[in-house]
Amino acid sequence: MFEAGNLQTIPADEHVPWRRLLLSALGNHRSHEEHFEAFTALTVELADRWVATVGEVALQEDLGELSLRLICRSALDGDLGSSRRTSAA
């Protein structure tokens, strides 16, 4: 996996083998089904934010943040909070 480029931006011919590997390794369909509503809400929230944005969006940053939010929702049953906030610690 360390040899792969960014899976969100590499061409389809490179992406498909990695996607198949990752889906089989990380796929937990029961968990995905349990969190589907929350996953959908997070994705729609991001899409709505893009619609409201004038000019360019920080696509890579936003997709990375969405990925982390989905992971946190699934693994921790919680939310990451905003990556745009900084910790006081």
C-alpha atoms as a PDB file:
ATOM      1  CA  MET A   1       0.000   0.000   0.000  1.00  0.00           C
ATOM      2  CA  PHE A   2       2.905   2.358   0.523  1.00  0.00           C
ATOM      3  CA  GLU A   3       3.558   2.210  -3.225  1.00  0.00           C
ATOM      4  CA  ALA A   4       0.101   3.553  -4.087  1.00  0.00           C
ATOM      5  CA  GLY A   5      -0.574   7.137  -4.992  1.00  0.00           C
ATOM      6  CA  ASN A   6      -3.512   8.998  -3.567  1.00  0.00           C
ATOM      7  CA  LEU A   7      -6.459   6.637  -4.097  1.00  0.00           C
ATOM      8  CA  GLN A   8      -8.811   9.587  -4.543  1.00  0.00           C
ATOM      9  CA  THR A   9      -6.903  11.001  -7.509  1.00  0.00           C
ATOM     10  CA  ILE A  10      -5.023   8.188  -9.307  1.00  0.00           C
ATOM     11  CA  PRO A  11      -6.302   6.983 -12.698  1.00  0.00           C
ATOM     12  CA  ALA A  12      -8.961   4.250 -12.787  1.00  0.00           C
ATOM     13  CA  ASP A  13      -6.599   1.578 -14.129  1.00  0.00           C
ATOM     14  CA  GLU A  14      -4.406   2.046 -11.044  1.00  0.00           C
ATOM     15  CA  HIS A  15      -7.292   2.619  -8.657  1.00  0.00           C
ATOM     16  CA  VAL A  16      -9.362  -0.521  -9.315  1.00  0.00           C
ATOM     17  CA  PRO A  17      -6.844  -3.108  -7.986  1.00  0.00           C
ATOM     18  CA  TRP A  18      -6.256  -1.031  -4.822  1.00  0.00           C
ATOM     19  CA  ARG A  19      -9.973  -0.490  -4.311  1.00  0.00           C
ATOM     20  CA  ARG A  20     -10.622  -4.234  -4.554  1.00  0.00           C
ATOM     21  CA  LEU A  21      -7.835  -4.947  -2.063  1.00  0.00           C
ATOM     22  CA  LEU A  22      -9.006  -2.315   0.409  1.00  0.00           C
ATOM     23  CA  LEU A  23     -12.667  -3.242   0.163  1.00  0.00           C
ATOM     24  CA  SER A  24     -11.947  -6.880   0.856  1.00  0.00           C
ATOM     25  CA  ALA A  25      -9.565  -6.014   3.709  1.00  0.00           C
ATOM     26  CA  LEU A  26     -11.596  -3.258   5.319  1.00  0.00           C
ATOM     27  CA  GLY A  27     -15.130  -4.068   4.246  1.00  0.00           C
ATOM     28  CA  ASN A  28     -17.468  -4.681   7.141  1.00  0.00           C
ATOM     29  CA  HIS A  29     -20.855  -4.478   5.499  1.00  0.00           C
ATOM     30  CA  ARG A  30     -22.803  -4.860   8.743  1.00  0.00           C
ATOM     31  CA  SER A  31     -21.035  -1.850  10.222  1.00  0.00           C
ATOM     32  CA  HIS A  32     -21.570   0.144   7.029  1.00  0.00           C
ATOM     33  CA  GLU A  33     -25.275  -0.680   7.100  1.00  0.00           C
ATOM     34  CA  GLU A  34     -25.534   0.323  10.757  1.00  0.00           C
ATOM     35  CA  HIS A  35     -23.878   3.680  10.057  1.00  0.00           C
ATOM     36  CA  PHE A  36     -25.389   4.332   6.608  1.00  0.00           C
ATOM     37  CA  GLU A  37     -27.658   7.149   7.788  1.00  0.00           C
ATOM     38  CA  ALA A  38     -24.789   8.935   9.555  1.00  0.00           C
ATOM     39  CA  PHE A  39     -22.450   8.395   6.571  1.00  0.00           C
ATOM     40  CA  THR A  40     -25.069   9.832   4.242  1.00  0.00           C
ATOM     41  CA  ALA A  41     -25.639  12.844   6.504  1.00  0.00           C
ATOM     42  CA  LEU A  42     -21.903  13.606   6.662  1.00  0.00           C
ATOM     43  CA  THR A  43     -21.577  13.340   2.886  1.00  0.00           C
ATOM     44  CA  VAL A  44     -24.629  15.524   2.230  1.00  0.00           C
ATOM     45  CA  GLU A  45     -23.311  18.085   4.740  1.00  0.00           C
ATOM     46  CA  LEU A  46     -20.066  18.317   2.766  1.00  0.00           C
ATOM     47  CA  ALA A  47     -21.900  18.551  -0.567  1.00  0.00           C
ATOM     48  CA  ASP A  48     -24.091  21.347   0.822  1.00  0.00           C
ATOM     49  CA  ARG A  49     -20.998  23.172   2.032  1.00  0.00           C
ATOM     50  CA  TRP A  50     -19.495  22.920  -1.466  1.00  0.00           C
ATOM     51  CA  VAL A  51     -22.687  24.264  -3.038  1.00  0.00           C
ATOM     52  CA  ALA A  52     -22.600  27.269  -0.707  1.00  0.00           C
ATOM     53  CA  THR A  53     -18.912  27.940  -1.411  1.00  0.00           C
ATOM     54  CA  VAL A  54     -18.088  30.757  -3.787  1.00  0.00           C
ATOM     55  CA  GLY A  55     -14.990  29.954  -5.812  1.00  0.00           C
ATOM     56  CA  GLU A  56     -12.748  26.956  -5.382  1.00  0.00           C
ATOM     57  CA  VAL A  57     -13.151  24.313  -2.697  1.00  0.00           C
ATOM     58  CA  ALA A  58     -10.289  22.596  -0.888  1.00  0.00           C
ATOM     59  CA  LEU A  59     -11.221  19.267  -2.454  1.00  0.00           C
ATOM     60  CA  GLN A  60      -8.382  17.128  -1.149  1.00  0.00           C
ATOM     61  CA  GLU A  61      -8.600  18.604   2.352  1.00  0.00           C
ATOM     62  CA  ASP A  62     -12.370  18.235   2.449  1.00  0.00           C
ATOM     63  CA  LEU A  63     -12.306  14.628   1.209  1.00  0.00           C
ATOM     64  CA  GLY A  64      -9.606  13.779   3.741  1.00  0.00           C
ATOM     65  CA  GLU A  65     -11.690  15.322   6.508  1.00  0.00           C
ATOM     66  CA  LEU A  66     -14.780  13.428   5.318  1.00  0.00           C
ATOM     67  CA  SER A  67     -12.818  10.173   5.362  1.00  0.00           C
ATOM     68  CA  LEU A  68     -11.710  10.802   8.944  1.00  0.00           C
ATOM     69  CA  ARG A  69     -15.257  11.694   9.978  1.00  0.00           C
ATOM     70  CA  LEU A  70     -16.574   8.461   8.452  1.00  0.00           C
ATOM     71  CA  ILE A  71     -13.878   6.422  10.214  1.00  0.00           C
ATOM     72  CA  CYS A  72     -14.562   8.107  13.555  1.00  0.00           C
ATOM     73  CA  ARG A  73     -18.297   7.633  13.192  1.00  0.00           C
ATOM     74  CA  SER A  74     -17.809   3.958  12.396  1.00  0.00           C
ATOM     75  CA  ALA A  75     -15.033   3.076  14.819  1.00  0.00           C
ATOM     76  CA  LEU A  76     -15.834   5.367  17.712  1.00  0.00           C
ATOM     77  CA  ASP A  77     -19.542   6.016  17.212  1.00  0.00           C
ATOM     78  CA  GLY A  78     -18.673   9.670  17.489  1.00  0.00           C
ATOM     79  CA  ASP A  79     -17.622  12.649  15.458  1.00  0.00           C
ATOM     80  CA  LEU A  80     -14.190  14.048  14.796  1.00  0.00           C
ATOM     81  CA  GLY A  81     -15.207  17.662  15.188  1.00  0.00           C
ATOM     82  CA  SER A  82     -13.881  20.199  12.758  1.00  0.00           C
ATOM     83  CA  SER A  83     -10.359  19.881  11.425  1.00  0.00           C
ATOM     84  CA  ARG A  84     -10.476  23.629  10.995  1.00  0.00           C
ATOM     85  CA  ARG A  85     -10.457  24.099  14.764  1.00  0.00           C
ATOM     86  CA  THR A  86      -7.234  23.924  16.686  1.00  0.00           C
ATOM     87  CA  SER A  87      -6.701  22.464  20.102  1.00  0.00           C
ATOM     88  CA  ALA A  88      -5.885  24.740  23.023  1.00  0.00           C
ATOM     89  CA  ALA A  89      -3.521  22.087  24.345  1.00  0.00           C
END
